[in-house]
PDB file of N, CA and C in Angstrom:
ATOM      1  N   MET A   1     -75.904  80.627 -58.276  1.00  0.00           N
ATOM      2  CA  MET A   1     -75.592  82.108 -58.215  1.00  0.00           C
ATOM      3  C   MET A   1     -75.259  82.910 -56.977  1.00  0.00           C
ATOM      4  N   ASP A   2     -75.342  81.824 -55.868  1.00  0.00           N
ATOM      5  CA  ASP A   2     -74.654  82.219 -54.547  1.00  0.00           C
ATOM      6  C   ASP A   2     -73.273  82.790 -54.497  1.00  0.00           C
ATOM      7  N   ALA A   3     -72.689  82.014 -55.162  1.00  0.00           N
ATOM      8  CA  ALA A   3     -70.945  82.460 -55.405  1.00  0.00           C
ATOM      9  C   ALA A   3     -71.020  83.753 -55.848  1.00  0.00           C
ATOM     10  N   VAL A   4     -71.828  84.156 -57.091  1.00  0.00           N
ATOM     11  CA  VAL A   4     -71.490  85.514 -57.432  1.00  0.00           C
ATOM     12  C   VAL A   4     -72.128  86.500 -56.968  1.00  0.00           C
ATOM     13  N   ILE A   5     -73.336  86.448 -55.827  1.00  0.00           N
ATOM     14  CA  ILE A   5     -73.308  87.324 -54.724  1.00  0.00           C
ATOM     15  C   ILE A   5     -72.294  87.265 -53.768  1.00  0.00           C
ATOM     16  N   TRP A   6     -71.654  86.340 -53.219  1.00  0.00           N
ATOM     17  CA  TRP A   6     -70.555  86.571 -52.169  1.00  0.00           C
ATOM     18  C   TRP A   6     -69.459  87.027 -52.777  1.00  0.00           C
ATOM     19  N   THR A   7     -69.399  86.726 -53.956  1.00  0.00           N
ATOM     20  CA  THR A   7     -68.030  87.413 -54.731  1.00  0.00           C
ATOM     21  C   THR A   7     -68.363  88.943 -54.933  1.00  0.00           C
ATOM     22  N   GLY A   8     -69.663  89.403 -55.046  1.00  0.00           N
ATOM     23  CA  GLY A   8     -69.842  90.746 -55.263  1.00  0.00           C
ATOM     24  C   GLY A   8     -69.646  91.596 -54.196  1.00  0.00           C
ATOM     25  N   ALA A   9     -70.274  90.874 -52.999  1.00  0.00           N
ATOM     26  CA  ALA A   9     -70.296  91.352 -51.466  1.00  0.00           C
ATOM     27  C   ALA A   9     -69.039  91.573 -51.280  1.00  0.00           C
ATOM     28  N   ALA A  10     -68.036  90.387 -51.120  1.00  0.00           N
ATOM     29  CA  ALA A  10     -66.625  90.893 -51.319  1.00  0.00           C
ATOM     30  C   ALA A  10     -65.859  92.034 -51.775  1.00  0.00           C
ATOM     31  N   ILE A  11     -66.132  91.972 -53.137  1.00  0.00           N
ATOM     32  CA  ILE A  11     -65.624  92.802 -53.836  1.00  0.00           C
ATOM     33  C   ILE A  11     -66.056  94.590 -53.542  1.00  0.00           C
ATOM     34  N   SER A  12     -67.524  94.259 -52.997  1.00  0.00           N
ATOM     35  CA  SER A  12     -67.712  95.934 -52.267  1.00  0.00           C
ATOM     36  C   SER A  12     -67.151  95.869 -50.784  1.00  0.00           C
ATOM     37  N   LEU A  13     -67.004  95.116 -50.241  1.00  0.00           N
ATOM     38  CA  LEU A  13     -66.452  95.448 -48.837  1.00  0.00           C
ATOM     39  C   LEU A  13     -64.780  95.819 -49.359  1.00  0.00           C
ATOM     40  N   LEU A  14     -64.190  95.509 -50.406  1.00  0.00           N
ATOM     41  CA  LEU A  14     -62.793  96.100 -50.592  1.00  0.00           C
ATOM     42  C   LEU A  14     -63.051  97.268 -50.869  1.00  0.00           C
ATOM     43  N   GLY A  15     -63.753  97.701 -51.864  1.00  0.00           N
ATOM     44  CA  GLY A  15     -64.125  99.043 -52.097  1.00  0.00           C
ATOM     45  C   GLY A  15     -64.241 100.074 -50.997  1.00  0.00           C
ATOM     46  N   LEU A  16     -65.212  99.353 -50.032  1.00  0.00           N
ATOM     47  CA  LEU A  16     -65.494 100.007 -48.853  1.00  0.00           C
ATOM     48  C   LEU A  16     -64.258 100.219 -47.606  1.00  0.00           C
ATOM     49  N   ILE A  17     -63.667  99.235 -47.961  1.00  0.00           N
ATOM     50  CA  ILE A  17     -62.459  99.639 -46.800  1.00  0.00           C
ATOM     51  C   ILE A  17     -61.160 100.414 -47.298  1.00  0.00           C
ATOM     52  N   GLY A  18     -61.060 100.724 -48.899  1.00  0.00           N
ATOM     53  CA  GLY A  18     -60.616 101.848 -49.603  1.00  0.00           C
ATOM     54  C   GLY A  18     -61.081 103.151 -49.206  1.00  0.00           C
ATOM     55  N   LEU A  19     -62.517 103.214 -49.411  1.00  0.00           N
ATOM     56  CA  LEU A  19     -63.180 104.441 -48.796  1.00  0.00           C
ATOM     57  C   LEU A  19     -62.779 104.944 -47.449  1.00  0.00           C
ATOM     58  N   VAL A  20     -62.514 103.817 -46.808  1.00  0.00           N
ATOM     59  CA  VAL A  20     -62.408 104.170 -45.161  1.00  0.00           C
ATOM     60  C   VAL A  20     -60.801 104.506 -45.345  1.00  0.00           C
ATOM     61  N   LEU A  21     -60.097 104.271 -45.893  1.00  0.00           N
ATOM     62  CA  LEU A  21     -58.814 104.792 -45.698  1.00  0.00           C
ATOM     63  C   LEU A  21     -58.486 106.041 -46.165  1.00  0.00           C
ATOM     64  N   SER A  22     -59.341 106.145 -47.309  1.00  0.00           N
ATOM     65  CA  SER A  22     -59.193 107.486 -47.835  1.00  0.00           C
ATOM     66  C   SER A  22     -59.722 108.666 -46.737  1.00  0.00           C
ATOM     67  N   ILE A  23     -60.906 108.207 -46.122  1.00  0.00           N
ATOM     68  CA  ILE A  23     -61.532 109.170 -45.012  1.00  0.00           C
ATOM     69  C   ILE A  23     -60.173 109.425 -43.858  1.00  0.00           C
ATOM     70  N   VAL A  24     -59.600 108.339 -43.800  1.00  0.00           N
ATOM     71  CA  VAL A  24     -58.519 108.320 -42.514  1.00  0.00           C
ATOM     72  C   VAL A  24     -57.276 109.254 -42.828  1.00  0.00           C
ATOM     73  N   LYS A  25     -57.189 108.975 -44.155  1.00  0.00           N
ATOM     74  CA  LYS A  25     -55.840 109.672 -44.527  1.00  0.00           C
ATOM     75  C   LYS A  25     -56.241 111.095 -44.277  1.00  0.00           C
ATOM     76  N   VAL A  26     -57.511 111.653 -44.879  1.00  0.00           N
ATOM     77  CA  VAL A  26     -57.622 113.012 -45.063  1.00  0.00           C
ATOM     78  C   VAL A  26     -57.754 113.716 -43.860  1.00  0.00           C
ATOM     79  N   ALA A  27     -58.469 112.716 -42.864  1.00  0.00           N
ATOM     80  CA  ALA A  27     -58.910 113.235 -41.353  1.00  0.00           C
ATOM     81  C   ALA A  27     -57.424 113.557 -40.994  1.00  0.00           C
ATOM     82  N   ARG A  28     -56.350 112.540 -40.720  1.00  0.00           N
ATOM     83  CA  ARG A  28     -55.173 112.415 -40.181  1.00  0.00           C
ATOM     84  C   ARG A  28     -54.280 113.906 -40.539  1.00  0.00           C
ATOM     85  N   ALA A  29     -54.705 114.417 -41.986  1.00  0.00           N
ATOM     86  CA  ALA A  29     -54.129 115.346 -42.490  1.00  0.00           C
ATOM     87  C   ALA A  29     -54.686 116.956 -41.790  1.00  0.00           C
ATOM     88  N   ARG A  30     -56.143 116.768 -41.829  1.00  0.00           N
ATOM     89  CA  ARG A  30     -56.733 117.864 -41.412  1.00  0.00           C
ATOM     90  C   ARG A  30     -56.616 118.031 -39.616  1.00  0.00           C
ATOM     91  N   LYS A  31     -56.298 116.996 -38.867  1.00  0.00           N
ATOM     92  CA  LYS A  31     -55.519 116.741 -37.535  1.00  0.00           C
ATOM     93  C   LYS A  31     -54.205 117.590 -37.427  1.00  0.00           C
ATOM     94  N   ALA A  32     -53.788 117.363 -38.309  1.00  0.00           N
ATOM     95  CA  ALA A  32     -52.375 117.491 -38.323  1.00  0.00           C
ATOM     96  C   ALA A  32     -51.922 119.348 -38.533  1.00  0.00           C
ATOM     97  N   GLY A  33     -52.974 119.720 -38.795  1.00  0.00           N
ATOM     98  CA  GLY A  33     -53.184 121.274 -38.855  1.00  0.00           C
ATOM     99  C   GLY A  33     -52.381 121.905 -40.146  1.00  0.00           C
ATOM    100  N   LEU A  34     -51.966 121.291 -41.011  1.00  0.00           N
ATOM    101  CA  LEU A  34     -51.448 121.828 -42.063  1.00  0.00           C
ATOM    102  C   LEU A  34     -51.656 122.781 -43.054  1.00  0.00           C
ATOM    103  N   SER A  35     -51.287 123.664 -43.344  1.00  0.00           N
ATOM    104  CA  SER A  35     -51.886 124.681 -44.156  1.00  0.00           C
ATOM    105  C   SER A  35     -52.462 124.340 -45.517  1.00  0.00           C
ATOM    106  N   ASP A  36     -53.237 125.546 -45.858  1.00  0.00           N
ATOM    107  CA  ASP A  36     -54.474 125.074 -47.043  1.00  0.00           C
ATOM    108  C   ASP A  36     -53.611 124.461 -48.390  1.00  0.00           C
ATOM    109  N   ASP A  37     -52.464 124.770 -48.351  1.00  0.00           N
ATOM    110  CA  ASP A  37     -51.613 124.299 -49.932  1.00  0.00           C
ATOM    111  C   ASP A  37     -51.333 123.010 -49.574  1.00  0.00           C
ATOM    112  N   GLU A  38     -50.869 122.658 -48.522  1.00  0.00           N
ATOM    113  CA  GLU A  38     -50.360 121.378 -47.954  1.00  0.00           C
ATOM    114  C   GLU A  38     -51.724 120.362 -47.802  1.00  0.00           C
ATOM    115  N   LEU A  39     -52.526 120.853 -47.439  1.00  0.00           N
ATOM    116  CA  LEU A  39     -53.768 120.485 -47.204  1.00  0.00           C
ATOM    117  C   LEU A  39     -54.475 119.513 -48.463  1.00  0.00           C
ATOM    118  N   ARG A  40     -54.684 120.708 -49.138  1.00  0.00           N
ATOM    119  CA  ARG A  40     -55.202 120.509 -50.755  1.00  0.00           C
ATOM    120  C   ARG A  40     -54.173 119.211 -51.320  1.00  0.00           C
ATOM    121  N   VAL A  41     -52.707 119.374 -51.227  1.00  0.00           N
ATOM    122  CA  VAL A  41     -51.561 118.449 -51.840  1.00  0.00           C
ATOM    123  C   VAL A  41     -52.637 116.688 -51.234  1.00  0.00           C
ATOM    124  N   VAL A  42     -52.455 116.611 -50.093  1.00  0.00           N
ATOM    125  CA  VAL A  42     -53.049 115.660 -49.529  1.00  0.00           C
ATOM    126  C   VAL A  42     -54.439 115.323 -49.982  1.00  0.00           C
ATOM    127  N   VAL A  43     -55.241 116.037 -50.205  1.00  0.00           N
ATOM    128  CA  VAL A  43     -56.621 115.544 -50.614  1.00  0.00           C
ATOM    129  C   VAL A  43     -56.452 115.223 -51.742  1.00  0.00           C
ATOM    130  N   GLN A  44     -55.814 116.038 -53.010  1.00  0.00           N
ATOM    131  CA  GLN A  44     -55.305 115.746 -53.968  1.00  0.00           C
ATOM    132  C   GLN A  44     -54.851 114.250 -54.496  1.00  0.00           C
ATOM    133  N   LYS A  45     -54.084 113.695 -53.699  1.00  0.00           N
ATOM    134  CA  LYS A  45     -53.186 112.322 -53.409  1.00  0.00           C
ATOM    135  C   LYS A  45     -54.235 111.258 -53.183  1.00  0.00           C
ATOM    136  N   ALA A  46     -55.323 111.658 -52.108  1.00  0.00           N
ATOM    137  CA  ALA A  46     -56.425 110.654 -51.698  1.00  0.00           C
ATOM    138  C   ALA A  46     -57.226 110.407 -52.947  1.00  0.00           C
ATOM    139  N   MET A  47     -57.069 111.316 -53.538  1.00  0.00           N
ATOM    140  CA  MET A  47     -58.285 111.525 -54.617  1.00  0.00           C
ATOM    141  C   MET A  47     -58.698 110.119 -55.483  1.00  0.00           C
ATOM    142  N   PRO A  48     -57.349 109.543 -56.330  1.00  0.00           N
ATOM    143  CA  PRO A  48     -57.372 108.592 -56.901  1.00  0.00           C
ATOM    144  C   PRO A  48     -58.021 106.829 -56.096  1.00  0.00           C
ATOM    145  N   LEU A  49     -57.326 107.217 -54.805  1.00  0.00           N
ATOM    146  CA  LEU A  49     -57.844 105.746 -53.948  1.00  0.00           C
ATOM    147  C   LEU A  49     -59.558 106.436 -53.562  1.00  0.00           C
ATOM    148  N   ASN A  50     -59.764 107.408 -53.445  1.00  0.00           N
ATOM    149  CA  ASN A  50     -61.312 107.505 -53.360  1.00  0.00           C
ATOM    150  C   ASN A  50     -62.223 107.151 -54.178  1.00  0.00           C
ATOM    151  N   ILE A  51     -61.507 107.661 -55.457  1.00  0.00           N
ATOM    152  CA  ILE A  51     -62.528 107.305 -56.822  1.00  0.00           C
ATOM    153  C   ILE A  51     -62.308 106.055 -57.115  1.00  0.00           C
ATOM    154  N   GLY A  52     -60.953 105.411 -57.303  1.00  0.00           N
ATOM    155  CA  GLY A  52     -61.105 103.649 -57.672  1.00  0.00           C
ATOM    156  C   GLY A  52     -61.721 103.163 -56.534  1.00  0.00           C
ATOM    157  N   SER A  53     -61.861 103.468 -55.381  1.00  0.00           N
ATOM    158  CA  SER A  53     -62.667 102.774 -54.515  1.00  0.00           C
ATOM    159  C   SER A  53     -64.145 102.676 -54.534  1.00  0.00           C
ATOM    160  N   LEU A  54     -64.644 103.790 -55.152  1.00  0.00           N
ATOM    161  CA  LEU A  54     -65.975 103.742 -55.659  1.00  0.00           C
ATOM    162  C   LEU A  54     -66.403 102.999 -56.528  1.00  0.00           C
ATOM    163  N   PHE A  55     -65.144 103.099 -57.576  1.00  0.00           N
ATOM    164  CA  PHE A  55     -65.747 102.121 -58.727  1.00  0.00           C
ATOM    165  C   PHE A  55     -65.590 100.454 -58.440  1.00  0.00           C
ATOM    166  N   VAL A  56     -64.831  99.814 -57.380  1.00  0.00           N
ATOM    167  CA  VAL A  56     -64.516  98.695 -56.947  1.00  0.00           C
ATOM    168  C   VAL A  56     -66.343  98.592 -56.008  1.00  0.00           C
ATOM    169  N   SER A  57     -66.472  99.136 -55.493  1.00  0.00           N
ATOM    170  CA  SER A  57     -67.953  98.811 -55.122  1.00  0.00           C
ATOM    171  C   SER A  57     -68.741  99.179 -55.708  1.00  0.00           C
ATOM    172  N   VAL A  58     -69.022  99.946 -56.509  1.00  0.00           N
ATOM    173  CA  VAL A  58     -70.064  99.887 -57.508  1.00  0.00           C
ATOM    174  C   VAL A  58     -70.098  98.783 -58.440  1.00  0.00           C
ATOM    175  N   ILE A  59     -68.575  98.139 -58.540  1.00  0.00           N
ATOM    176  CA  ILE A  59     -68.735  96.889 -59.734  1.00  0.00           C
ATOM    177  C   ILE A  59     -69.162  96.173 -58.688  1.00  0.00           C
ATOM    178  N   GLY A  60     -69.042  95.756 -57.423  1.00  0.00           N
ATOM    179  CA  GLY A  60     -69.293  94.965 -56.706  1.00  0.00           C
ATOM    180  C   GLY A  60     -70.783  94.671 -56.098  1.00  0.00           C
ATOM    181  N   LEU A  61     -71.301  95.923 -56.144  1.00  0.00           N
ATOM    182  CA  LEU A  61     -72.767  96.093 -56.028  1.00  0.00           C
ATOM    183  C   LEU A  61     -73.488  95.448 -57.324  1.00  0.00           C
ATOM    184  N   MET A  62     -72.946  95.922 -58.618  1.00  0.00           N
ATOM    185  CA  MET A  62     -73.558  95.307 -59.698  1.00  0.00           C
ATOM    186  C   MET A  62     -73.328  93.746 -59.635  1.00  0.00           C
ATOM    187  N   THR A  63     -72.366  93.516 -59.139  1.00  0.00           N
ATOM    188  CA  THR A  63     -72.157  91.978 -59.453  1.00  0.00           C
ATOM    189  C   THR A  63     -73.254  91.240 -58.357  1.00  0.00           C
ATOM    190  N   VAL A  64     -73.505  91.685 -57.201  1.00  0.00           N
ATOM    191  CA  VAL A  64     -74.866  91.222 -56.305  1.00  0.00           C
ATOM    192  C   VAL A  64     -75.846  91.425 -57.099  1.00  0.00           C
ATOM    193  N   ILE A  65     -76.143  92.510 -57.539  1.00  0.00           N
ATOM    194  CA  ILE A  65     -77.421  92.652 -58.467  1.00  0.00           C
ATOM    195  C   ILE A  65     -77.748  91.718 -59.492  1.00  0.00           C
ATOM    196  N   ILE A  66     -76.398  91.526 -60.252  1.00  0.00           N
ATOM    197  CA  ILE A  66     -76.759  90.330 -61.410  1.00  0.00           C
ATOM    198  C   ILE A  66     -77.033  89.038 -60.754  1.00  0.00           C
ATOM    199  N   GLY A  67     -76.259  88.882 -59.452  1.00  0.00           N
ATOM    200  CA  GLY A  67     -76.290  87.243 -58.833  1.00  0.00           C
ATOM    201  C   GLY A  67     -77.709  87.340 -58.608  1.00  0.00           C
ATOM    202  N   ILE A  68     -78.428  88.448 -58.120  1.00  0.00           N
ATOM    203  CA  ILE A  68     -80.014  88.171 -57.467  1.00  0.00           C
ATOM    204  C   ILE A  68     -80.821  87.923 -58.753  1.00  0.00           C
ATOM    205  N   PHE A  69     -80.505  88.467 -59.917  1.00  0.00           N
ATOM    206  CA  PHE A  69     -81.479  88.483 -60.997  1.00  0.00           C
ATOM    207  C   PHE A  69     -81.234  87.454 -61.498  1.00  0.00           C
ATOM    208  N   LEU A  70     -80.286  86.725 -61.553  1.00  0.00           N
ATOM    209  CA  LEU A  70     -79.992  85.092 -62.209  1.00  0.00           C
ATOM    210  C   LEU A  70     -80.307  83.875 -61.299  1.00  0.00           C
ATOM    211  N   GLY A  71     -80.136  84.762 -60.117  1.00  0.00           N
ATOM    212  CA  GLY A  71     -80.151  83.279 -58.706  1.00  0.00           C
ATOM    213  C   GLY A  71     -82.143  83.175 -58.865  1.00  0.00           C
TER     214      GLY A  71
END
């Protein structure tokens, strides 16, 4: 079951990387001094990455928990 745990940890890490990328995109847009409408567009474009990354991270954490329970 160690393989299941490590696979889940790797999947969670991928989700975390996606979350960091989402944060960086929005932070760069805020530093660029965009208008409210332009900033809203950037945030709306970053939302699918953010939500998808959260989903991937949750799936990875669930895999870790299953590996712990089965191990």
